[in-house]
Amino acid sequence: MGEETVGNKMIVLKDYVKGFPKESDLLLETSDTQLRVPDGCDGAVFVKNLYLSCDPYMRGRMSKLEGSYIDSFTLTGFGVCKVVDSTHPNFKKGDLVRGMTGWEEYSLIKSAEGLSKIQHTDVPLSYYTGILGMPGTTAYCGFYEVCSPKKGDTVFISAASGAVGQLVGQFAKLFGCYVVGSAGSKDKVDLLKNKFGFDEAFNYKEEPDLNAALKRYFPDGIDIYFENVGGKMLDAVLLNMKLYGRIAVCGMISQYNLEELEGVKNLFLLVVKRIRMEGFIVFDYAHLYPKYLEMVLPLIKQGKIVYVEDIVEGLENAPNALIGLFSGRNVGKQVVVVARE
């Protein structure tokens, strides 16, 4: 198999995108590749991609961004892969790994430092794009490290049925908090209350006055806000935060496709209410991943944490799946299956 040449399907970006991305901005192309690490390429790994993660931050890869933490114009993301060939001492053929990979059937990963070997295979492999991958670690670090929760805290999560939000809510409930989430459809609201165990949830699209909605669910105010949305939601939350509240800024999906970003009017309340508002990137907490696995694996196996995935089959359907994130079409963690094995 070492010298075998195959056609490698890949998703490429047609051009930088302004405004709301369209499926036609992403193209499916095929090029030939050999199923091995090229000669002289030491410390590299050649992988077959099995599962690809669709995440909102990938919108940044489609735009020309200054000062961002992600590269633009390169379609890569988190994935689960099988090693086909390796010149890296830590990886061998047949190993299952997780990490950054290309949006294609096969990828040459020249710098394997970002790859991790998958040790626990008694859970669905796709979980390593979600609950056992970047979104899960994001939820864990954002809630426990950034939010500094206390038992009995009142917690609000926007975009609560997504890959990260559904976990933050469940972690908060297990911690002994009162938890409310917002989402964009009746089905998602039902999911939050009936599947994930949130105390309350509401459809923000049906609330003409977000401030009034938050006052309804938090008559005494919000201790912790896990921010995924930004814009008008953040403005309304600031009006309802308690003294010494904490806001963990994970994302602001309402802003990603705007050519002119919305302003936030109520920021002075950070001073008045002595609120701590902190942005964070999951890579800063990579050292906590083993501790997170130690906590979450037993919870999954005991059924104390549930995880909902929205799975799409086939690389050719990846553009549609990614674009759907920005209109809230997905229910749960969006995953693309490239190959089952």
Protein backbone atom coordinates (compact mmCIF):
# COMPACT_ATOMS: atom_id res chain seq x y z
CA MET A 1 0.00 0.00 0.00
CA GLY A 2 3.09 2.27 0.49
CA GLU A 3 3.29 3.41 -3.16
CA GLU A 4 -0.43 3.31 -3.87
CA THR A 5 -1.82 6.51 -5.45
CA VAL A 6 -5.45 7.44 -4.85
CA GLY A 7 -7.74 10.36 -5.65
CA ASN A 8 -8.05 12.61 -2.59
CA LYS A 9 -11.30 14.61 -2.36
CA MET A 10 -10.90 17.93 -0.57
CA ILE A 11 -12.95 21.02 0.29
CA VAL A 12 -11.31 24.27 -0.79
CA LEU A 13 -12.28 27.91 -0.38
CA LYS A 14 -13.17 29.65 -3.64
CA ASP A 15 -12.27 33.13 -2.37
CA TYR A 16 -12.35 35.22 0.78
CA VAL A 17 -15.92 35.62 2.00
CA LYS A 18 -17.66 38.84 3.04
CA GLY A 19 -20.99 38.70 4.84
CA PHE A 20 -22.97 35.49 5.20
CA PRO A 21 -21.11 32.49 3.66
CA LYS A 22 -22.78 30.39 0.97
CA GLU A 23 -22.32 26.76 0.08
CA SER A 24 -20.99 27.88 -3.32
CA ASP A 25 -18.04 29.58 -1.53
CA LEU A 26 -16.68 26.08 -0.87
CA LEU A 27 -15.67 23.73 -3.67
CA LEU A 28 -15.12 19.97 -3.78
CA GLU A 29 -11.94 19.13 -5.68
CA THR A 30 -9.90 15.96 -6.21
CA SER A 31 -6.14 15.56 -6.52
CA ASP A 32 -3.90 12.49 -6.54
CA THR A 33 -1.94 11.59 -3.45
CA GLN A 34 0.34 8.74 -2.42
CA LEU A 35 -0.69 6.90 0.73
CA ARG A 36 2.56 7.58 2.56
CA VAL A 37 4.73 10.28 4.09
CA PRO A 38 6.97 11.71 1.33
CA ASP A 39 10.69 10.90 1.44
CA GLY A 40 12.72 13.23 3.63
CA CYS A 41 9.66 14.40 5.62
CA ASP A 42 10.70 13.47 9.16
CA GLY A 43 8.36 13.70 12.14
CA ALA A 44 5.25 13.69 9.94
CA VAL A 45 2.07 11.62 9.93
CA PHE A 46 -0.11 10.69 6.94
CA VAL A 47 -3.71 10.07 8.01
CA LYS A 48 -7.08 8.97 6.69
CA ASN A 49 -9.71 11.36 8.01
CA LEU A 50 -12.71 9.65 9.61
CA TYR A 51 -14.72 12.41 11.33
CA LEU A 52 -14.48 16.18 10.85
CA SER A 53 -15.75 18.78 13.30
CA CYS A 54 -17.84 21.75 12.09
CA ASP A 55 -17.29 24.70 14.42
CA PRO A 56 -18.34 28.37 14.30
CA TYR A 57 -14.74 29.63 14.69
CA MET A 58 -14.06 28.24 11.19
CA ARG A 59 -15.91 31.26 9.76
CA GLY A 60 -12.69 33.16 10.49
CA ARG A 61 -10.82 30.95 8.05
CA MET A 62 -13.02 32.28 5.26
CA SER A 63 -12.18 35.95 5.82
CA LYS A 64 -9.07 38.08 5.63
CA LEU A 65 -8.52 38.73 9.33
CA GLU A 66 -5.85 40.81 11.03
CA GLY A 67 -4.66 39.69 14.45
CA SER A 68 -6.78 36.54 14.67
CA TYR A 69 -5.68 33.36 16.43
CA ILE A 70 -6.57 31.27 13.35
CA ASP A 71 -5.14 31.23 9.84
CA SER A 72 -7.46 32.43 7.12
CA PHE A 73 -7.95 30.81 3.71
CA THR A 74 -6.92 27.37 4.92
CA LEU A 75 -9.78 24.94 5.48
CA THR A 76 -8.60 22.87 8.39
CA GLY A 77 -10.34 21.85 11.58
CA PHE A 78 -10.48 19.31 14.36
CA GLY A 79 -10.92 15.72 13.33
CA VAL A 80 -10.55 12.05 14.18
CA CYS A 81 -8.13 10.21 11.93
CA LYS A 82 -6.45 6.85 11.38
CA VAL A 83 -2.68 6.78 10.79
CA VAL A 84 -1.78 5.34 7.37
CA ASP A 85 1.97 6.06 7.54
CA SER A 86 4.27 7.81 10.00
CA THR A 87 7.84 9.03 10.37
CA HIS A 88 7.06 10.32 13.87
CA PRO A 89 8.27 8.14 16.78
CA ASN A 90 5.01 8.57 18.75
CA PHE A 91 2.65 7.37 16.02
CA LYS A 92 2.42 4.16 14.01
CA LYS A 93 0.20 2.80 11.26
CA GLY A 94 -3.29 1.94 12.56
CA ASP A 95 -3.23 4.41 15.47
CA LEU A 96 -6.41 6.41 16.00
CA VAL A 97 -5.63 10.08 16.63
CA ARG A 98 -7.41 13.39 17.17
CA GLY A 99 -6.25 16.90 16.32
CA MET A 100 -6.10 19.48 13.54
CA THR A 101 -6.39 18.04 10.05
CA GLY A 102 -7.42 19.08 6.54
CA TRP A 103 -10.93 19.06 5.15
CA GLU A 104 -10.12 16.18 2.82
CA GLU A 105 -10.07 12.38 2.72
CA TYR A 106 -6.34 12.07 3.42
CA SER A 107 -3.98 14.58 5.06
CA LEU A 108 -0.26 14.90 5.49
CA ILE A 109 0.32 16.41 8.92
CA LYS A 110 3.89 17.70 8.87
CA SER A 111 3.90 18.86 12.47
CA ALA A 112 2.38 16.11 14.60
CA GLU A 113 2.73 17.93 17.93
CA GLY A 114 -0.95 18.86 17.77
CA LEU A 115 -2.04 15.23 17.41
CA SER A 116 -3.03 13.02 20.34
CA LYS A 117 -3.46 9.28 20.34
CA ILE A 118 -6.98 8.12 21.24
CA GLN A 119 -6.75 5.74 24.19
CA HIS A 120 -10.41 5.21 25.05
CA THR A 121 -12.28 3.50 22.20
CA ASP A 122 -15.24 2.25 24.26
CA VAL A 123 -17.15 5.45 23.38
CA PRO A 124 -18.19 6.61 19.88
CA LEU A 125 -15.13 7.87 17.97
CA SER A 126 -17.12 10.91 16.82
CA TYR A 127 -17.18 12.06 20.46
CA TYR A 128 -13.54 13.11 19.99
CA THR A 129 -14.77 15.94 17.75
CA GLY A 130 -17.17 17.04 20.49
CA ILE A 131 -17.60 16.07 24.12
CA LEU A 132 -14.14 14.43 24.25
CA GLY A 133 -12.54 17.00 21.97
CA MET A 134 -12.23 20.76 21.65
CA PRO A 135 -15.90 21.65 22.48
CA GLY A 136 -15.90 19.49 25.61
CA THR A 137 -12.62 20.95 26.85
CA THR A 138 -13.93 24.44 26.05
CA ALA A 139 -17.07 23.84 28.15
CA TYR A 140 -15.03 22.39 31.03
CA CYS A 141 -12.40 25.14 31.15
CA GLY A 142 -14.84 27.93 30.45
CA PHE A 143 -17.20 26.89 33.22
CA TYR A 144 -14.87 25.60 35.95
CA GLU A 145 -11.82 27.81 35.35
CA VAL A 146 -13.17 31.08 33.91
CA CYS A 147 -16.62 31.27 35.55
CA SER A 148 -15.42 30.30 39.07
CA PRO A 149 -18.82 28.73 39.91
CA LYS A 150 -20.30 28.40 43.36
CA LYS A 151 -23.09 26.01 44.34
CA GLY A 152 -26.46 27.75 43.97
CA ASP A 153 -25.25 30.21 41.33
CA THR A 154 -27.74 31.29 38.66
CA VAL A 155 -26.33 30.49 35.23
CA PHE A 156 -27.42 31.66 31.78
CA ILE A 157 -26.07 30.10 28.55
CA SER A 158 -26.76 31.46 25.06
CA ALA A 159 -26.68 29.14 22.01
CA ALA A 160 -27.24 26.52 24.68
CA SER A 161 -28.03 23.51 22.48
CA GLY A 162 -24.76 23.74 20.55
CA ALA A 163 -21.62 21.66 20.93
CA VAL A 164 -20.35 23.65 23.93
CA GLY A 165 -23.54 25.05 25.46
CA GLN A 166 -25.24 21.69 26.02
CA LEU A 167 -22.26 20.60 28.13
CA VAL A 168 -21.88 23.83 30.11
CA GLY A 169 -25.51 23.49 31.17
CA GLN A 170 -25.08 19.91 32.31
CA PHE A 171 -21.84 20.67 34.17
CA ALA A 172 -23.60 23.57 35.91
CA LYS A 173 -26.55 21.38 36.93
CA LEU A 174 -24.21 18.70 38.32
CA PHE A 175 -22.43 21.46 40.25
CA GLY A 176 -25.70 22.53 41.90
CA CYS A 177 -26.59 25.64 39.89
CA TYR A 178 -29.88 26.98 38.53
CA VAL A 179 -29.50 26.87 34.74
CA VAL A 180 -31.38 28.61 31.91
CA GLY A 181 -30.49 28.42 28.23
CA SER A 182 -31.57 30.20 25.07
CA ALA A 183 -31.86 28.60 21.64
CA GLY A 184 -33.45 29.35 18.28
CA SER A 185 -36.31 26.83 17.91
CA LYS A 186 -38.99 25.03 19.90
CA ASP A 187 -37.26 21.67 19.30
CA LYS A 188 -34.02 23.01 20.72
CA VAL A 189 -35.79 24.48 23.75
CA ASP A 190 -37.46 21.10 24.39
CA LEU A 191 -34.05 19.43 24.08
CA LEU A 192 -32.54 21.75 26.68
CA LYS A 193 -35.27 21.07 29.22
CA ASN A 194 -36.07 17.40 28.56
CA LYS A 195 -32.73 15.94 27.43
CA PHE A 196 -30.06 18.10 29.04
CA GLY A 197 -31.91 18.87 32.28
CA PHE A 198 -31.86 22.68 32.16
CA ASP A 199 -34.22 24.26 34.68
CA GLU A 200 -35.68 26.57 32.04
CA ALA A 201 -35.09 27.52 28.40
CA PHE A 202 -36.54 29.97 25.89
CA ASN A 203 -36.58 30.63 22.17
CA TYR A 204 -34.89 34.02 21.73
CA LYS A 205 -36.59 34.48 18.34
CA GLU A 206 -39.96 34.62 20.11
CA GLU A 207 -38.85 37.23 22.64
CA PRO A 208 -39.30 40.81 21.36
CA ASP A 209 -37.71 42.10 24.59
CA LEU A 210 -34.68 40.06 25.70
CA ASN A 211 -34.28 42.14 28.87
CA ALA A 212 -37.85 41.26 29.94
CA ALA A 213 -37.29 37.60 29.09
CA LEU A 214 -34.17 37.43 31.26
CA LYS A 215 -35.95 39.19 34.13
CA ARG A 216 -38.68 36.54 33.91
CA TYR A 217 -36.20 33.69 34.37
CA PHE A 218 -33.76 35.52 36.66
CA PRO A 219 -35.85 37.80 38.93
CA ASP A 220 -32.87 38.14 41.28
CA GLY A 221 -30.24 38.42 38.54
CA ILE A 222 -27.57 36.29 36.84
CA ASP A 223 -24.37 35.16 38.57
CA ILE A 224 -22.74 33.52 35.52
CA TYR A 225 -23.24 34.16 31.82
CA PHE A 226 -21.60 31.77 29.34
CA GLU A 227 -21.42 33.94 26.22
CA ASN A 228 -21.71 32.36 22.78
CA VAL A 229 -23.76 34.98 20.91
CA GLY A 230 -22.83 38.63 21.58
CA GLY A 231 -24.76 41.62 20.21
CA LYS A 232 -28.24 42.32 21.59
CA MET A 233 -28.13 39.28 23.87
CA LEU A 234 -25.00 40.51 25.62
CA ASP A 235 -26.53 43.97 26.07
CA ALA A 236 -29.64 42.45 27.68
CA VAL A 237 -27.56 40.15 29.92
CA LEU A 238 -25.49 43.06 31.25
CA LEU A 239 -28.71 44.69 32.51
CA ASN A 240 -29.52 41.51 34.44
CA MET A 241 -26.16 40.54 35.92
CA LYS A 242 -25.75 40.47 39.70
CA LEU A 243 -23.03 42.29 41.59
CA TYR A 244 -19.70 40.50 41.14
CA GLY A 245 -21.10 38.39 38.29
CA ARG A 246 -18.83 36.51 35.90
CA ILE A 247 -19.06 36.39 32.11
CA ALA A 248 -17.01 33.83 30.17
CA VAL A 249 -16.75 34.92 26.53
CA CYS A 250 -16.49 31.78 24.44
CA GLY A 251 -17.80 33.17 21.14
CA MET A 252 -20.10 35.72 19.50
CA ILE A 253 -21.76 33.91 16.62
CA SER A 254 -24.23 36.75 15.96
CA GLN A 255 -21.27 38.88 14.77
CA TYR A 256 -19.29 36.49 12.59
CA ASN A 257 -21.08 37.24 9.31
CA LEU A 258 -21.58 40.99 9.77
CA GLU A 259 -19.46 43.32 7.65
CA GLU A 260 -19.99 46.01 10.31
CA LEU A 261 -20.02 44.67 13.86
CA GLU A 262 -22.76 45.69 16.31
CA GLY A 263 -21.80 47.82 19.28
CA VAL A 264 -22.63 46.95 22.90
CA LYS A 265 -24.27 49.80 24.81
CA ASN A 266 -24.28 48.61 28.41
CA LEU A 267 -20.58 47.94 29.02
CA PHE A 268 -20.37 50.55 31.79
CA LEU A 269 -22.37 48.10 33.91
CA LEU A 270 -19.14 46.07 34.15
CA VAL A 271 -17.94 48.89 36.40
CA VAL A 272 -21.16 49.56 38.28
CA LYS A 273 -21.80 45.89 39.05
CA ARG A 274 -18.10 44.92 39.40
CA ILE A 275 -18.57 42.20 36.79
CA ARG A 276 -15.59 40.15 35.59
CA MET A 277 -15.84 39.53 31.84
CA GLU A 278 -13.11 37.33 30.39
CA GLY A 279 -12.49 35.94 26.93
CA PHE A 280 -10.69 32.63 26.62
CA ILE A 281 -9.28 30.23 24.03
CA VAL A 282 -9.29 26.50 24.71
CA PHE A 283 -5.65 26.07 23.62
CA ASP A 284 -4.58 27.94 26.77
CA TYR A 285 -6.04 25.10 28.84
CA ALA A 286 -4.68 22.12 26.89
CA HIS A 287 -2.79 20.93 29.97
CA LEU A 288 -6.13 20.27 31.71
CA TYR A 289 -7.34 17.76 29.10
CA PRO A 290 -6.27 14.63 31.10
CA LYS A 291 -8.05 16.02 34.19
CA TYR A 292 -11.15 16.68 32.08
CA LEU A 293 -11.18 13.15 30.65
CA GLU A 294 -10.86 11.75 34.16
CA MET A 295 -14.01 13.65 35.15
CA VAL A 296 -16.17 13.25 32.03
CA LEU A 297 -15.59 9.63 30.91
CA PRO A 298 -17.26 8.14 34.02
CA LEU A 299 -20.15 10.61 33.69
CA ILE A 300 -20.73 9.50 30.07
CA LYS A 301 -20.61 5.82 31.00
CA GLN A 302 -22.97 6.33 33.95
CA GLY A 303 -25.42 8.26 31.76
CA LYS A 304 -25.07 11.38 33.93
CA ILE A 305 -24.00 13.42 30.89
CA VAL A 306 -25.67 13.08 27.50
CA TYR A 307 -24.40 14.43 24.20
CA VAL A 308 -26.38 15.11 21.05
CA GLU A 309 -24.68 15.04 17.65
CA ASP A 310 -25.97 16.16 14.25
CA ILE A 311 -24.17 13.79 11.88
CA VAL A 312 -23.81 14.31 8.13
CA GLU A 313 -22.45 11.55 5.90
CA GLY A 314 -19.89 12.29 3.18
CA LEU A 315 -17.23 14.94 2.60
CA GLU A 316 -19.30 16.34 -0.29
CA ASN A 317 -21.94 17.39 2.28
CA ALA A 318 -19.44 19.16 4.55
CA PRO A 319 -19.94 22.66 3.03
CA ASN A 320 -23.69 22.50 3.60
CA ALA A 321 -23.15 21.32 7.18
CA LEU A 322 -20.68 24.10 7.97
CA ILE A 323 -22.81 26.87 6.46
CA GLY A 324 -25.84 25.54 8.38
CA LEU A 325 -24.14 26.39 11.69
CA PHE A 326 -24.64 30.10 11.04
CA SER A 327 -28.39 29.84 10.58
CA GLY A 328 -28.74 27.46 13.54
CA ARG A 329 -29.86 24.55 11.36
CA ASN A 330 -27.87 21.97 13.32
CA VAL A 331 -29.26 20.34 16.44
CA GLY A 332 -26.34 19.52 18.71
CA LYS A 333 -22.72 19.01 17.69
CA GLN A 334 -22.27 19.13 13.89
CA VAL A 335 -20.07 16.27 12.66
CA VAL A 336 -19.13 15.18 9.15
CA VAL A 337 -18.42 11.49 8.58
CA VAL A 338 -15.73 11.16 5.91
CA ALA A 339 -15.20 7.42 6.47
CA ARG A 340 -16.29 5.00 9.20
CA GLU A 341 -12.97 3.16 9.24
